[in-house]
Amino acid sequence: MRAVQDSMDILNGKWKIPIISSMCYYTERRFSDILNDVAGISNKMLSKELKELELNQLVKRTVLPTQPVTVQYELTAHGKTLQTIIHTLTEWGIAHHDKIFAQ
């Protein structure tokens, strides 16, 4: 049970799974891309969540030498280990939706 709790502590909250999902499906994402992918999240909250994911070594932040500066985010090798979980959650969500609305 401790391992499940540790996992939930890192992935807790409303936004982390959707942010990780955005990067699972689209690989490299700019801040504005993730902001558009995750409906309802504010700039401030996205910035906070990305910093936490970066601290936990799930997300890599790259500053590109463009004008204006572009920041790109992608899953680290460790973060990519969550792809199976994200895909399984997606499949379960589709099946659950179909089951509930079939009635």
PDB file of N, CA and C in Angstrom:
ATOM      1  N   MET A   1       0.818  -1.204   0.000  1.00  0.00           N
ATOM      2  CA  MET A   1       0.000   0.000   0.000  1.00  0.00           C
ATOM      3  C   MET A   1       0.858   1.264   0.000  1.00  0.00           C
ATOM      4  N   ARG A   2       2.037   1.189   0.577  1.00  0.00           N
ATOM      5  CA  ARG A   2       2.907   2.366   0.629  1.00  0.00           C
ATOM      6  C   ARG A   2       3.335   2.803  -0.775  1.00  0.00           C
ATOM      7  N   ALA A   3       3.586   1.840  -1.646  1.00  0.00           N
ATOM      8  CA  ALA A   3       3.985   2.166  -3.013  1.00  0.00           C
ATOM      9  C   ALA A   3       2.862   2.897  -3.746  1.00  0.00           C
ATOM     10  N   VAL A   4       1.626   2.476  -3.529  1.00  0.00           N
ATOM     11  CA  VAL A   4       0.477   3.155  -4.155  1.00  0.00           C
ATOM     12  C   VAL A   4       0.388   4.578  -3.616  1.00  0.00           C
ATOM     13  N   GLN A   5       0.560   4.744  -2.311  1.00  0.00           N
ATOM     14  CA  GLN A   5       0.490   6.080  -1.717  1.00  0.00           C
ATOM     15  C   GLN A   5       1.604   6.985  -2.243  1.00  0.00           C
ATOM     16  N   ASP A   6       2.808   6.427  -2.379  1.00  0.00           N
ATOM     17  CA  ASP A   6       3.922   7.206  -2.935  1.00  0.00           C
ATOM     18  C   ASP A   6       3.603   7.676  -4.355  1.00  0.00           C
ATOM     19  N   SER A   7       3.038   6.780  -5.150  1.00  0.00           N
ATOM     20  CA  SER A   7       2.661   7.131  -6.529  1.00  0.00           C
ATOM     21  C   SER A   7       1.607   8.227  -6.532  1.00  0.00           C
ATOM     22  N   MET A   8       0.613   8.082  -5.679  1.00  0.00           N
ATOM     23  CA  MET A   8      -0.471   9.066  -5.624  1.00  0.00           C
ATOM     24  C   MET A   8       0.031  10.415  -5.123  1.00  0.00           C
ATOM     25  N   ASP A   9       1.008  10.422  -4.229  1.00  0.00           N
ATOM     26  CA  ASP A   9       1.569  11.681  -3.748  1.00  0.00           C
ATOM     27  C   ASP A   9       2.219  12.468  -4.887  1.00  0.00           C
ATOM     28  N   ILE A  10       2.863  11.774  -5.804  1.00  0.00           N
ATOM     29  CA  ILE A  10       3.538  12.431  -6.930  1.00  0.00           C
ATOM     30  C   ILE A  10       2.537  12.873  -7.993  1.00  0.00           C
ATOM     31  N   LEU A  11       1.494  12.074  -8.212  1.00  0.00           N
ATOM     32  CA  LEU A  11       0.528  12.344  -9.285  1.00  0.00           C
ATOM     33  C   LEU A  11      -0.758  12.984  -8.784  1.00  0.00           C
ATOM     34  N   ASN A  12      -0.757  13.448  -7.536  1.00  0.00           N
ATOM     35  CA  ASN A  12      -1.986  13.963  -6.936  1.00  0.00           C
ATOM     36  C   ASN A  12      -2.465  15.247  -7.594  1.00  0.00           C
ATOM     37  N   GLY A  13      -3.693  15.576  -7.322  1.00  0.00           N
ATOM     38  CA  GLY A  13      -4.268  16.814  -7.824  1.00  0.00           C
ATOM     39  C   GLY A  13      -5.041  16.619  -9.112  1.00  0.00           C
ATOM     40  N   LYS A  14      -5.636  17.689  -9.516  1.00  0.00           N
ATOM     41  CA  LYS A  14      -6.532  17.692 -10.671  1.00  0.00           C
ATOM     42  C   LYS A  14      -5.790  17.734 -12.005  1.00  0.00           C
ATOM     43  N   TRP A  15      -4.544  18.221 -12.026  1.00  0.00           N
ATOM     44  CA  TRP A  15      -3.916  18.585 -13.278  1.00  0.00           C
ATOM     45  C   TRP A  15      -2.771  17.706 -13.746  1.00  0.00           C
ATOM     46  N   LYS A  16      -2.107  16.999 -12.871  1.00  0.00           N
ATOM     47  CA  LYS A  16      -0.886  16.297 -13.270  1.00  0.00           C
ATOM     48  C   LYS A  16      -1.135  15.221 -14.328  1.00  0.00           C
ATOM     49  N   ILE A  17      -2.158  14.420 -14.139  1.00  0.00           N
ATOM     50  CA  ILE A  17      -2.449  13.369 -15.129  1.00  0.00           C
ATOM     51  C   ILE A  17      -2.796  13.973 -16.498  1.00  0.00           C
ATOM     52  N   PRO A  18      -3.657  15.001 -16.565  1.00  0.00           N
ATOM     53  CA  PRO A  18      -3.912  15.612 -17.879  1.00  0.00           C
ATOM     54  C   PRO A  18      -2.662  16.224 -18.520  1.00  0.00           C
ATOM     55  N   ILE A  19      -1.784  16.814 -17.724  1.00  0.00           N
ATOM     56  CA  ILE A  19      -0.543  17.393 -18.266  1.00  0.00           C
ATOM     57  C   ILE A  19       0.343  16.284 -18.826  1.00  0.00           C
ATOM     58  N   ILE A  20       0.508  15.222 -18.059  1.00  0.00           N
ATOM     59  CA  ILE A  20       1.315  14.091 -18.515  1.00  0.00           C
ATOM     60  C   ILE A  20       0.686  13.471 -19.762  1.00  0.00           C
ATOM     61  N   SER A  21      -0.630  13.376 -19.792  1.00  0.00           N
ATOM     62  CA  SER A  21      -1.338  12.825 -20.960  1.00  0.00           C
ATOM     63  C   SER A  21      -1.043  13.636 -22.211  1.00  0.00           C
ATOM     64  N   SER A  22      -1.034  14.948 -22.080  1.00  0.00           N
ATOM     65  CA  SER A  22      -0.732  15.811 -23.222  1.00  0.00           C
ATOM     66  C   SER A  22       0.635  15.474 -23.805  1.00  0.00           C
ATOM     67  N   MET A  23       1.596  15.249 -22.929  1.00  0.00           N
ATOM     68  CA  MET A  23       2.945  14.936 -23.398  1.00  0.00           C
ATOM     69  C   MET A  23       3.071  13.495 -23.880  1.00  0.00           C
ATOM     70  N   CYS A  24       2.225  12.609 -23.383  1.00  0.00           N
ATOM     71  CA  CYS A  24       2.235  11.217 -23.860  1.00  0.00           C
ATOM     72  C   CYS A  24       1.772  11.152 -25.312  1.00  0.00           C
ATOM     73  N   TYR A  25       0.751  11.921 -25.637  1.00  0.00           N
ATOM     74  CA  TYR A  25       0.160  11.831 -26.963  1.00  0.00           C
ATOM     75  C   TYR A  25       0.834  12.721 -27.997  1.00  0.00           C
ATOM     76  N   TYR A  26       1.510  13.775 -27.557  1.00  0.00           N
ATOM     77  CA  TYR A  26       2.096  14.713 -28.508  1.00  0.00           C
ATOM     78  C   TYR A  26       3.607  14.896 -28.369  1.00  0.00           C
ATOM     79  N   THR A  27       4.259  14.144 -27.498  1.00  0.00           N
ATOM     80  CA  THR A  27       5.708  14.192 -27.270  1.00  0.00           C
ATOM     81  C   THR A  27       6.145  15.571 -26.784  1.00  0.00           C
ATOM     82  N   GLU A  28       6.839  16.345 -27.604  1.00  0.00           N
ATOM     83  CA  GLU A  28       7.310  17.662 -27.178  1.00  0.00           C
ATOM     84  C   GLU A  28       6.175  18.670 -27.281  1.00  0.00           C
ATOM     85  N   ARG A  29       5.994  19.422 -26.179  1.00  0.00           N
ATOM     86  CA  ARG A  29       4.897  20.396 -26.142  1.00  0.00           C
ATOM     87  C   ARG A  29       5.413  21.720 -25.614  1.00  0.00           C
ATOM     88  N   ARG A  30       4.950  22.786 -26.227  1.00  0.00           N
ATOM     89  CA  ARG A  30       5.230  24.120 -25.690  1.00  0.00           C
ATOM     90  C   ARG A  30       4.231  24.400 -24.569  1.00  0.00           C
ATOM     91  N   PHE A  31       4.565  25.368 -23.739  1.00  0.00           N
ATOM     92  CA  PHE A  31       3.697  25.737 -22.624  1.00  0.00           C
ATOM     93  C   PHE A  31       2.284  26.021 -23.127  1.00  0.00           C
ATOM     94  N   SER A  32       2.175  26.825 -24.182  1.00  0.00           N
ATOM     95  CA  SER A  32       0.857  27.199 -24.708  1.00  0.00           C
ATOM     96  C   SER A  32       0.099  25.993 -25.262  1.00  0.00           C
ATOM     97  N   ASP A  33       0.813  25.007 -25.801  1.00  0.00           N
ATOM     98  CA  ASP A  33       0.159  23.789 -26.294  1.00  0.00           C
ATOM     99  C   ASP A  33      -0.492  23.029 -25.142  1.00  0.00           C
ATOM    100  N   ILE A  34       0.264  22.880 -24.051  1.00  0.00           N
ATOM    101  CA  ILE A  34      -0.274  22.172 -22.885  1.00  0.00           C
ATOM    102  C   ILE A  34      -1.452  22.954 -22.307  1.00  0.00           C
ATOM    103  N   LEU A  35      -1.317  24.272 -22.263  1.00  0.00           N
ATOM    104  CA  LEU A  35      -2.395  25.131 -21.763  1.00  0.00           C
ATOM    105  C   LEU A  35      -3.669  24.915 -22.575  1.00  0.00           C
ATOM    106  N   ASN A  36      -3.534  24.766 -23.884  1.00  0.00           N
ATOM    107  CA  ASN A  36      -4.699  24.514 -24.742  1.00  0.00           C
ATOM    108  C   ASN A  36      -5.241  23.089 -24.578  1.00  0.00           C
ATOM    109  N   ASP A  37      -4.353  22.134 -24.321  1.00  0.00           N
ATOM    110  CA  ASP A  37      -4.771  20.733 -24.159  1.00  0.00           C
ATOM    111  C   ASP A  37      -5.553  20.500 -22.873  1.00  0.00           C
ATOM    112  N   VAL A  38      -5.144  21.173 -21.807  1.00  0.00           N
ATOM    113  CA  VAL A  38      -5.717  20.925 -20.481  1.00  0.00           C
ATOM    114  C   VAL A  38      -6.763  22.003 -20.197  1.00  0.00           C
ATOM    115  N   ALA A  39      -8.002  21.683 -20.477  1.00  0.00           N
ATOM    116  CA  ALA A  39      -9.100  22.640 -20.331  1.00  0.00           C
ATOM    117  C   ALA A  39      -9.261  23.082 -18.878  1.00  0.00           C
ATOM    118  N   GLY A  40      -9.314  24.412 -18.688  1.00  0.00           N
ATOM    119  CA  GLY A  40      -9.607  24.964 -17.374  1.00  0.00           C
ATOM    120  C   GLY A  40      -8.403  25.299 -16.511  1.00  0.00           C
ATOM    121  N   ILE A  41      -7.209  24.910 -16.915  1.00  0.00           N
ATOM    122  CA  ILE A  41      -6.032  25.196 -16.104  1.00  0.00           C
ATOM    123  C   ILE A  41      -5.545  26.623 -16.369  1.00  0.00           C
ATOM    124  N   SER A  42      -5.095  27.299 -15.320  1.00  0.00           N
ATOM    125  CA  SER A  42      -4.573  28.657 -15.477  1.00  0.00           C
ATOM    126  C   SER A  42      -3.076  28.611 -15.769  1.00  0.00           C
ATOM    127  N   ASN A  43      -2.543  29.718 -16.258  1.00  0.00           N
ATOM    128  CA  ASN A  43      -1.101  29.827 -16.513  1.00  0.00           C
ATOM    129  C   ASN A  43      -0.302  29.537 -15.247  1.00  0.00           C
ATOM    130  N   LYS A  44      -0.736  30.140 -14.161  1.00  0.00           N
ATOM    131  CA  LYS A  44      -0.023  30.008 -12.885  1.00  0.00           C
ATOM    132  C   LYS A  44      -0.015  28.556 -12.410  1.00  0.00           C
ATOM    133  N   MET A  45      -1.163  27.892 -12.503  1.00  0.00           N
ATOM    134  CA  MET A  45      -1.263  26.503 -12.044  1.00  0.00           C
ATOM    135  C   MET A  45      -0.445  25.582 -12.946  1.00  0.00           C
ATOM    136  N   LEU A  46      -0.494  25.799 -14.262  1.00  0.00           N
ATOM    137  CA  LEU A  46       0.294  24.976 -15.171  1.00  0.00           C
ATOM    138  C   LEU A  46       1.783  25.130 -14.878  1.00  0.00           C
ATOM    139  N   SER A  47       2.216  26.339 -14.655  1.00  0.00           N
ATOM    140  CA  SER A  47       3.615  26.587 -14.327  1.00  0.00           C
ATOM    141  C   SER A  47       4.014  25.856 -13.048  1.00  0.00           C
ATOM    142  N   LYS A  48       3.180  25.934 -12.026  1.00  0.00           N
ATOM    143  CA  LYS A  48       3.441  25.263 -10.746  1.00  0.00           C
ATOM    144  C   LYS A  48       3.525  23.748 -10.921  1.00  0.00           C
ATOM    145  N   GLU A  49       2.569  23.189 -11.643  1.00  0.00           N
ATOM    146  CA  GLU A  49       2.524  21.740 -11.826  1.00  0.00           C
ATOM    147  C   GLU A  49       3.716  21.250 -12.652  1.00  0.00           C
ATOM    148  N   LEU A  50       4.090  21.989 -13.688  1.00  0.00           N
ATOM    149  CA  LEU A  50       5.248  21.603 -14.501  1.00  0.00           C
ATOM    150  C   LEU A  50       6.529  21.623 -13.669  1.00  0.00           C
ATOM    151  N   LYS A  51       6.656  22.613 -12.778  1.00  0.00           N
ATOM    152  CA  LYS A  51       7.833  22.663 -11.898  1.00  0.00           C
ATOM    153  C   LYS A  51       7.882  21.438 -10.986  1.00  0.00           C
ATOM    154  N   GLU A  52       6.740  21.048 -10.439  1.00  0.00           N
ATOM    155  CA  GLU A  52       6.691  19.867  -9.572  1.00  0.00           C
ATOM    156  C   GLU A  52       7.022  18.596 -10.348  1.00  0.00           C
ATOM    157  N   LEU A  53       6.482  18.478 -11.552  1.00  0.00           N
ATOM    158  CA  LEU A  53       6.782  17.309 -12.383  1.00  0.00           C
ATOM    159  C   LEU A  53       8.260  17.276 -12.765  1.00  0.00           C
ATOM    160  N   GLU A  54       8.832  18.443 -12.975  1.00  0.00           N
ATOM    161  CA  GLU A  54      10.261  18.522 -13.288  1.00  0.00           C
ATOM    162  C   GLU A  54      11.096  18.118 -12.065  1.00  0.00           C
ATOM    163  N   LEU A  55      10.700  18.576 -10.880  1.00  0.00           N
ATOM    164  CA  LEU A  55      11.397  18.197  -9.648  1.00  0.00           C
ATOM    165  C   LEU A  55      11.374  16.693  -9.416  1.00  0.00           C
ATOM    166  N   ASN A  56      10.274  16.063  -9.809  1.00  0.00           N
ATOM    167  CA  ASN A  56      10.134  14.616  -9.653  1.00  0.00           C
ATOM    168  C   ASN A  56      10.706  13.849 -10.844  1.00  0.00           C
ATOM    169  N   GLN A  57      11.412  14.552 -11.709  1.00  0.00           N
ATOM    170  CA  GLN A  57      12.114  13.972 -12.855  1.00  0.00           C
ATOM    171  C   GLN A  57      11.193  13.229 -13.824  1.00  0.00           C
ATOM    172  N   LEU A  58       9.973  13.733 -13.956  1.00  0.00           N
ATOM    173  CA  LEU A  58       9.035  13.161 -14.911  1.00  0.00           C
ATOM    174  C   LEU A  58       8.997  13.976 -16.201  1.00  0.00           C
ATOM    175  N   VAL A  59       9.345  15.260 -16.089  1.00  0.00           N
ATOM    176  CA  VAL A  59       9.279  16.176 -17.220  1.00  0.00           C
ATOM    177  C   VAL A  59      10.620  16.889 -17.366  1.00  0.00           C
ATOM    178  N   LYS A  60      11.024  17.074 -18.623  1.00  0.00           N
ATOM    179  CA  LYS A  60      12.244  17.815 -18.935  1.00  0.00           C
ATOM    180  C   LYS A  60      11.834  19.136 -19.581  1.00  0.00           C
ATOM    181  N   ARG A  61      12.427  20.208 -19.131  1.00  0.00           N
ATOM    182  CA  ARG A  61      12.167  21.554 -19.653  1.00  0.00           C
ATOM    183  C   ARG A  61      13.378  21.989 -20.465  1.00  0.00           C
ATOM    184  N   THR A  62      13.134  22.439 -21.706  1.00  0.00           N
ATOM    185  CA  THR A  62      14.209  22.896 -22.583  1.00  0.00           C
ATOM    186  C   THR A  62      13.886  24.303 -23.069  1.00  0.00           C
ATOM    187  N   VAL A  63      14.821  25.215 -22.863  1.00  0.00           N
ATOM    188  CA  VAL A  63      14.669  26.587 -23.358  1.00  0.00           C
ATOM    189  C   VAL A  63      15.360  26.663 -24.708  1.00  0.00           C
ATOM    190  N   LEU A  64      14.600  27.008 -25.735  1.00  0.00           N
ATOM    191  CA  LEU A  64      15.139  27.091 -27.096  1.00  0.00           C
ATOM    192  C   LEU A  64      15.610  28.512 -27.392  1.00  0.00           C
ATOM    193  N   PRO A  65      16.720  28.638 -28.116  1.00  0.00           N
ATOM    194  CA  PRO A  65      17.282  29.970 -28.407  1.00  0.00           C
ATOM    195  C   PRO A  65      16.550  30.663 -29.560  1.00  0.00           C
ATOM    196  N   THR A  66      15.299  30.956 -29.334  1.00  0.00           N
ATOM    197  CA  THR A  66      14.498  31.644 -30.345  1.00  0.00           C
ATOM    198  C   THR A  66      14.169  33.043 -29.842  1.00  0.00           C
ATOM    199  N   GLN A  67      13.610  33.841 -30.727  1.00  0.00           N
ATOM    200  CA  GLN A  67      13.192  35.173 -30.337  1.00  0.00           C
ATOM    201  C   GLN A  67      11.738  35.345 -30.672  1.00  0.00           C
ATOM    202  N   PRO A  68      10.808  35.435 -29.748  1.00  0.00           N
ATOM    203  CA  PRO A  68      11.020  35.355 -28.303  1.00  0.00           C
ATOM    204  C   PRO A  68      11.388  33.932 -27.868  1.00  0.00           C
ATOM    205  N   VAL A  69      11.844  33.815 -26.636  1.00  0.00           N
ATOM    206  CA  VAL A  69      12.282  32.529 -26.095  1.00  0.00           C
ATOM    207  C   VAL A  69      11.119  31.543 -26.096  1.00  0.00           C
ATOM    208  N   THR A  70      11.391  30.335 -26.542  1.00  0.00           N
ATOM    209  CA  THR A  70      10.402  29.265 -26.540  1.00  0.00           C
ATOM    210  C   THR A  70      10.841  28.214 -25.535  1.00  0.00           C
ATOM    211  N   VAL A  71       9.896  27.753 -24.724  1.00  0.00           N
ATOM    212  CA  VAL A  71      10.181  26.696 -23.765  1.00  0.00           C
ATOM    213  C   VAL A  71       9.403  25.464 -24.185  1.00  0.00           C
ATOM    214  N   GLN A  72      10.097  24.345 -24.234  1.00  0.00           N
ATOM    215  CA  GLN A  72       9.489  23.082 -24.650  1.00  0.00           C
ATOM    216  C   GLN A  72       9.571  22.094 -23.502  1.00  0.00           C
ATOM    217  N   TYR A  73       8.527  21.295 -23.368  1.00  0.00           N
ATOM    218  CA  TYR A  73       8.471  20.279 -22.327  1.00  0.00           C
ATOM    219  C   TYR A  73       8.292  18.916 -22.966  1.00  0.00           C
ATOM    220  N   GLU A  74       8.912  17.916 -22.344  1.00  0.00           N
ATOM    221  CA  GLU A  74       8.729  16.537 -22.793  1.00  0.00           C
ATOM    222  C   GLU A  74       8.917  15.616 -21.599  1.00  0.00           C
ATOM    223  N   LEU A  75       8.383  14.420 -21.727  1.00  0.00           N
ATOM    224  CA  LEU A  75       8.566  13.431 -20.675  1.00  0.00           C
ATOM    225  C   LEU A  75      10.010  12.946 -20.678  1.00  0.00           C
ATOM    226  N   THR A  76      10.553  12.746 -19.498  1.00  0.00           N
ATOM    227  CA  THR A  76      11.863  12.124 -19.371  1.00  0.00           C
ATOM    228  C   THR A  76      11.699  10.628 -19.611  1.00  0.00           C
ATOM    229  N   ALA A  77      12.800   9.905 -19.651  1.00  0.00           N
ATOM    230  CA  ALA A  77      12.719   8.440 -19.778  1.00  0.00           C
ATOM    231  C   ALA A  77      11.902   7.873 -18.614  1.00  0.00           C
ATOM    232  N   HIS A  78      12.115   8.441 -17.430  1.00  0.00           N
ATOM    233  CA  HIS A  78      11.352   7.996 -16.257  1.00  0.00           C
ATOM    234  C   HIS A  78       9.868   8.350 -16.410  1.00  0.00           C
ATOM    235  N   GLY A  79       9.593   9.544 -16.924  1.00  0.00           N
ATOM    236  CA  GLY A  79       8.209   9.968 -17.151  1.00  0.00           C
ATOM    237  C   GLY A  79       7.497   9.105 -18.179  1.00  0.00           C
ATOM    238  N   LYS A  80       8.246   8.640 -19.178  1.00  0.00           N
ATOM    239  CA  LYS A  80       7.653   7.795 -20.223  1.00  0.00           C
ATOM    240  C   LYS A  80       7.179   6.452 -19.687  1.00  0.00           C
ATOM    241  N   THR A  81       7.670   6.057 -18.509  1.00  0.00           N
ATOM    242  CA  THR A  81       7.183   4.806 -17.904  1.00  0.00           C
ATOM    243  C   THR A  81       5.720   4.926 -17.504  1.00  0.00           C
ATOM    244  N   LEU A  82       5.188   6.144 -17.466  1.00  0.00           N
ATOM    245  CA  LEU A  82       3.767   6.354 -17.147  1.00  0.00           C
ATOM    246  C   LEU A  82       2.858   6.186 -18.365  1.00  0.00           C
ATOM    247  N   GLN A  83       3.433   6.078 -19.556  1.00  0.00           N
ATOM    248  CA  GLN A  83       2.613   5.986 -20.769  1.00  0.00           C
ATOM    249  C   GLN A  83       1.660   4.794 -20.738  1.00  0.00           C
ATOM    250  N   THR A  84       2.113   3.662 -20.256  1.00  0.00           N
ATOM    251  CA  THR A  84       1.250   2.481 -20.178  1.00  0.00           C
ATOM    252  C   THR A  84       0.053   2.759 -19.277  1.00  0.00           C
ATOM    253  N   ILE A  85       0.302   3.430 -18.161  1.00  0.00           N
ATOM    254  CA  ILE A  85      -0.781   3.760 -17.230  1.00  0.00           C
ATOM    255  C   ILE A  85      -1.762   4.728 -17.883  1.00  0.00           C
ATOM    256  N   ILE A  86      -1.251   5.736 -18.584  1.00  0.00           N
ATOM    257  CA  ILE A  86      -2.110   6.718 -19.254  1.00  0.00           C
ATOM    258  C   ILE A  86      -2.961   6.037 -20.324  1.00  0.00           C
ATOM    259  N   HIS A  87      -2.355   5.166 -21.110  1.00  0.00           N
ATOM    260  CA  HIS A  87      -3.116   4.464 -22.154  1.00  0.00           C
ATOM    261  C   HIS A  87      -4.169   3.547 -21.531  1.00  0.00           C
ATOM    262  N   THR A  88      -3.827   2.877 -20.444  1.00  0.00           N
ATOM    263  CA  THR A  88      -4.790   2.006 -19.764  1.00  0.00           C
ATOM    264  C   THR A  88      -5.944   2.833 -19.189  1.00  0.00           C
ATOM    265  N   LEU A  89      -5.631   3.991 -18.595  1.00  0.00           N
ATOM    266  CA  LEU A  89      -6.692   4.873 -18.090  1.00  0.00           C
ATOM    267  C   LEU A  89      -7.597   5.351 -19.223  1.00  0.00           C
ATOM    268  N   THR A  90      -6.998   5.650 -20.367  1.00  0.00           N
ATOM    269  CA  THR A  90      -7.781   6.088 -21.528  1.00  0.00           C
ATOM    270  C   THR A  90      -8.746   4.989 -21.974  1.00  0.00           C
ATOM    271  N   GLU A  91      -8.231   3.780 -22.100  1.00  0.00           N
ATOM    272  CA  GLU A  91      -9.072   2.654 -22.518  1.00  0.00           C
ATOM    273  C   GLU A  91     -10.186   2.395 -21.505  1.00  0.00           C
ATOM    274  N   TRP A  92      -9.846   2.454 -20.210  1.00  0.00           N
ATOM    275  CA  TRP A  92     -10.854   2.241 -19.178  1.00  0.00           C
ATOM    276  C   TRP A  92     -11.918   3.342 -19.238  1.00  0.00           C
ATOM    277  N   GLY A  93     -11.476   4.581 -19.427  1.00  0.00           N
ATOM    278  CA  GLY A  93     -12.417   5.702 -19.499  1.00  0.00           C
ATOM    279  C   GLY A  93     -13.390   5.573 -20.655  1.00  0.00           C
ATOM    280  N   ILE A  94     -12.898   5.120 -21.804  1.00  0.00           N
ATOM    281  CA  ILE A  94     -13.765   4.914 -22.966  1.00  0.00           C
ATOM    282  C   ILE A  94     -14.761   3.794 -22.687  1.00  0.00           C
ATOM    283  N   ALA A  95     -14.275   2.691 -22.137  1.00  0.00           N
ATOM    284  CA  ALA A  95     -15.153   1.555 -21.819  1.00  0.00           C
ATOM    285  C   ALA A  95     -16.191   1.948 -20.769  1.00  0.00           C
ATOM    286  N   HIS A  96     -15.778   2.698 -19.772  1.00  0.00           N
ATOM    287  CA  HIS A  96     -16.699   3.140 -18.717  1.00  0.00           C
ATOM    288  C   HIS A  96     -17.769   4.061 -19.295  1.00  0.00           C
ATOM    289  N   HIS A  97     -17.340   4.999 -20.125  1.00  0.00           N
ATOM    290  CA  HIS A  97     -18.285   5.913 -20.774  1.00  0.00           C
ATOM    291  C   HIS A  97     -19.314   5.129 -21.582  1.00  0.00           C
ATOM    292  N   ASP A  98     -18.835   4.173 -22.382  1.00  0.00           N
ATOM    293  CA  ASP A  98     -19.735   3.368 -23.206  1.00  0.00           C
ATOM    294  C   ASP A  98     -20.708   2.569 -22.351  1.00  0.00           C
ATOM    295  N   LYS A  99     -20.235   1.999 -21.252  1.00  0.00           N
ATOM    296  CA  LYS A  99     -21.084   1.194 -20.363  1.00  0.00           C
ATOM    297  C   LYS A  99     -22.168   2.066 -19.723  1.00  0.00           C
ATOM    298  N   ILE A 100     -21.794   3.236 -19.221  1.00  0.00           N
ATOM    299  CA  ILE A 100     -22.746   4.106 -18.535  1.00  0.00           C
ATOM    300  C   ILE A 100     -23.789   4.655 -19.505  1.00  0.00           C
ATOM    301  N   PHE A 101     -23.352   5.072 -20.679  1.00  0.00           N
ATOM    302  CA  PHE A 101     -24.279   5.699 -21.617  1.00  0.00           C
ATOM    303  C   PHE A 101     -25.024   4.679 -22.487  1.00  0.00           C
ATOM    304  N   ALA A 102     -24.662   3.407 -22.402  1.00  0.00           N
ATOM    305  CA  ALA A 102     -25.382   2.361 -23.126  1.00  0.00           C
ATOM    306  C   ALA A 102     -26.684   2.002 -22.407  1.00  0.00           C
ATOM    307  N   GLN A 103     -26.761   2.358 -21.151  1.00  0.00           N
ATOM    308  CA  GLN A 103     -27.951   1.982 -20.350  1.00  0.00           C
ATOM    309  C   GLN A 103     -29.097   2.930 -20.579  1.00  0.00           C
TER     310      GLN A 103
END
